[in-house]
Amino acid sequence: MSRITKVLAEEISNKLVEKLDVQIKSADKKLAKILYSEATKKVPVEVMTAFSLYPQWISKTTSGYIHYGAQQCYIKGDKEFPYLGSLKTTDIDTCVEIDNLLNERDTLKAKRNNLFDELSATIFNLSTYAKVREFFPEAAHLLPELKMEIAINIKDTRDKLNAI
């Protein structure tokens, strides 16, 4: 009967909340897309052309602050664009979209963290593989296989015993 360690419980919990991680990343990608769109709207066409031809000569970034309404947020992106400092958007639809995405992301993160903590505690408190398989079968398939290996040399001990 193998014991469940805290590290193992956390590894299993991370795998169980992966669906929420995907949803969080999706919201982050949507925010990054908005940031890139807003940034490229502010950059003159000539600068974007020069940036595409000679990116090493123009300061660039993939993230930044975007001001929307009376609020601001920092967004990490994945596409490079010329550095502009902080961006300001006045388009009401964009402001509402940013606000909704931030709220959705924060809600998902809170839900993920609460579920992760609850799963970790549950799996750790079950304490053995057998109890996890019995009482929490949703996590049973994530348990690593047991390999029983003996770290001491039994053959030499048996030989000595047999020599008596």
Protein backbone atom coordinates (compact mmCIF):
# COMPACT_ATOMS: atom_id res chain seq x y z
CA MET A 1 0.00 0.00 0.00
CA SER A 2 1.66 3.22 -1.17
CA ARG A 3 1.23 6.56 0.49
CA ILE A 4 0.10 9.75 -1.21
CA THR A 5 2.56 12.59 -0.73
CA LYS A 6 1.63 16.25 -0.86
CA VAL A 7 3.67 16.68 -4.05
CA LEU A 8 1.86 13.77 -5.72
CA ALA A 9 -1.53 15.14 -4.61
CA GLU A 10 -0.64 18.52 -6.16
CA GLU A 11 0.56 16.90 -9.41
CA ILE A 12 -2.71 14.99 -9.74
CA SER A 13 -4.71 18.11 -8.88
CA ASN A 14 -2.88 20.09 -11.58
CA LYS A 15 -3.86 17.47 -14.14
CA LEU A 16 -7.48 17.52 -12.97
CA VAL A 17 -7.81 21.30 -13.37
CA GLU A 18 -6.24 21.45 -16.84
CA LYS A 19 -9.60 22.27 -18.45
CA LEU A 20 -9.77 25.46 -16.42
CA ASP A 21 -6.16 26.30 -17.37
CA VAL A 22 -7.15 26.04 -21.05
CA GLN A 23 -10.07 28.43 -20.49
CA ILE A 24 -7.79 30.91 -18.68
CA LYS A 25 -5.27 30.77 -21.54
CA SER A 26 -8.08 31.33 -24.03
CA ALA A 27 -9.12 34.53 -22.21
CA ASP A 28 -5.46 35.64 -22.12
CA LYS A 29 -5.13 35.05 -25.87
CA LYS A 30 -8.23 37.13 -26.54
CA LEU A 31 -6.80 39.95 -24.43
CA ALA A 32 -3.47 39.68 -26.28
CA LYS A 33 -5.32 39.91 -29.59
CA ILE A 34 -7.06 43.09 -28.43
CA LEU A 35 -3.72 44.57 -27.30
CA TYR A 36 -2.09 43.82 -30.66
CA SER A 37 -5.09 45.21 -32.55
CA GLU A 38 -5.13 48.42 -30.51
CA ALA A 39 -1.35 48.84 -30.82
CA THR A 40 -1.28 48.37 -34.58
CA LYS A 41 -4.14 50.89 -34.97
CA LYS A 42 -2.01 53.56 -33.28
CA VAL A 43 1.15 52.95 -35.32
CA PRO A 44 1.41 54.74 -38.68
CA VAL A 45 1.51 52.48 -41.75
CA GLU A 46 5.04 53.67 -42.63
CA VAL A 47 6.34 52.67 -39.21
CA MET A 48 4.68 49.23 -39.45
CA THR A 49 6.27 48.76 -42.88
CA ALA A 50 9.68 49.74 -41.52
CA PHE A 51 9.10 47.50 -38.51
CA SER A 52 8.34 44.50 -40.72
CA LEU A 53 11.47 45.15 -42.83
CA TYR A 54 13.90 46.23 -40.10
CA PRO A 55 12.63 45.03 -36.70
CA GLN A 56 16.09 45.23 -35.14
CA TRP A 57 16.10 49.05 -35.53
CA ILE A 58 12.81 49.72 -33.81
CA SER A 59 12.05 49.18 -30.11
CA LYS A 60 9.51 46.40 -29.83
CA THR A 61 7.41 44.69 -27.23
CA THR A 62 4.83 41.94 -26.92
CA SER A 63 3.02 43.29 -23.87
CA GLY A 64 1.95 46.51 -22.27
CA TYR A 65 -0.57 48.54 -20.33
CA ILE A 66 -3.84 49.36 -21.97
CA HIS A 67 -6.03 52.12 -20.56
CA TYR A 68 -9.73 51.62 -21.07
CA GLY A 69 -12.22 53.97 -19.54
CA ALA A 70 -10.95 54.92 -16.08
CA GLN A 71 -9.08 51.64 -15.65
CA GLN A 72 -5.89 50.07 -16.90
CA CYS A 73 -4.51 46.58 -17.13
CA TYR A 74 -1.26 44.90 -18.09
CA ILE A 75 -1.61 42.38 -20.90
CA LYS A 76 1.01 39.90 -22.05
CA GLY A 77 0.88 39.22 -25.75
CA ASP A 78 2.63 36.88 -28.16
CA LYS A 79 3.09 39.03 -31.29
CA GLU A 80 5.71 41.77 -31.44
CA PHE A 81 4.76 45.33 -32.30
CA PRO A 82 6.56 48.68 -32.07
CA TYR A 83 6.82 49.95 -28.50
CA LEU A 84 4.36 52.77 -27.88
CA GLY A 85 4.36 53.15 -24.11
CA SER A 86 0.91 52.65 -22.66
CA LEU A 87 -2.09 52.47 -24.98
CA LYS A 88 -5.41 54.17 -24.54
CA THR A 89 -8.62 53.01 -26.13
CA THR A 90 -11.80 55.03 -26.24
CA ASP A 91 -13.91 52.56 -28.23
CA ILE A 92 -16.71 51.61 -25.84
CA ASP A 93 -17.13 48.13 -27.32
CA THR A 94 -13.44 47.40 -26.82
CA CYS A 95 -13.60 48.70 -23.24
CA VAL A 96 -16.58 46.45 -22.47
CA GLU A 97 -14.88 43.47 -24.12
CA ILE A 98 -11.67 44.00 -22.11
CA ASP A 99 -13.64 44.37 -18.89
CA ASN A 100 -15.65 41.20 -19.57
CA LEU A 101 -12.54 39.20 -20.45
CA LEU A 102 -10.72 40.39 -17.32
CA ASN A 103 -13.71 39.48 -15.15
CA GLU A 104 -14.00 36.09 -16.84
CA ARG A 105 -10.27 35.42 -16.38
CA ASP A 106 -10.33 36.46 -12.71
CA THR A 107 -13.39 34.29 -12.05
CA LEU A 108 -11.76 31.31 -13.76
CA LYS A 109 -8.50 31.81 -11.83
CA ALA A 110 -10.34 31.94 -8.51
CA LYS A 111 -12.37 28.87 -9.41
CA ARG A 112 -9.22 27.03 -10.50
CA ASN A 113 -7.30 27.90 -7.33
CA ASN A 114 -10.19 26.91 -5.04
CA LEU A 115 -10.74 23.64 -6.89
CA PHE A 116 -7.01 22.90 -6.91
CA ASP A 117 -6.75 23.44 -3.14
CA GLU A 118 -9.81 21.29 -2.50
CA LEU A 119 -8.59 18.49 -4.77
CA SER A 120 -5.09 18.53 -3.28
CA ALA A 121 -6.44 18.34 0.26
CA THR A 122 -8.88 15.56 -0.63
CA ILE A 123 -6.30 13.41 -2.39
CA PHE A 124 -3.67 13.99 0.29
CA ASN A 125 -6.12 13.18 3.09
CA LEU A 126 -7.13 9.91 1.44
CA SER A 127 -3.46 9.08 2.07
CA THR A 128 -3.13 5.80 0.12
CA TYR A 129 -3.50 4.61 -3.45
CA ALA A 130 -6.16 2.13 -2.40
CA LYS A 131 -8.34 4.79 -0.76
CA VAL A 132 -7.98 7.10 -3.77
CA ARG A 133 -9.04 4.25 -6.08
CA GLU A 134 -11.98 3.42 -3.82
CA PHE A 135 -13.31 6.87 -2.86
CA PHE A 136 -12.08 9.14 -5.69
CA PRO A 137 -11.97 7.11 -8.93
CA GLU A 138 -11.77 10.31 -11.03
CA ALA A 139 -8.16 10.68 -9.86
CA ALA A 140 -7.24 6.99 -9.81
CA HIS A 141 -6.11 6.87 -13.45
CA LEU A 142 -3.62 9.67 -12.72
CA LEU A 143 -1.79 7.74 -10.00
CA PRO A 144 1.67 6.63 -11.13
CA GLU A 145 2.29 2.92 -11.38
CA LEU A 146 3.90 1.31 -8.39
CA LYS A 147 7.30 -0.24 -8.91
CA MET A 148 8.52 -2.32 -6.05
CA GLU A 149 12.28 -2.31 -6.07
CA ILE A 150 14.41 -3.36 -3.17
CA ALA A 151 17.39 -1.15 -2.55
CA ILE A 152 19.41 -3.63 -0.51
CA ASN A 153 21.40 -6.63 -1.73
CA ILE A 154 19.40 -9.65 -0.53
CA LYS A 155 21.40 -12.21 -2.51
CA ASP A 156 24.55 -11.72 -0.43
CA THR A 157 22.54 -11.94 2.79
CA ARG A 158 20.88 -15.18 1.62
CA ASP A 159 24.25 -16.62 0.65
CA LYS A 160 25.64 -15.86 4.11
CA LEU A 161 22.56 -17.42 5.73
CA ASN A 162 22.83 -20.54 3.61
CA ALA A 163 26.55 -20.85 4.40
CA ILE A 164 25.76 -21.39 8.11
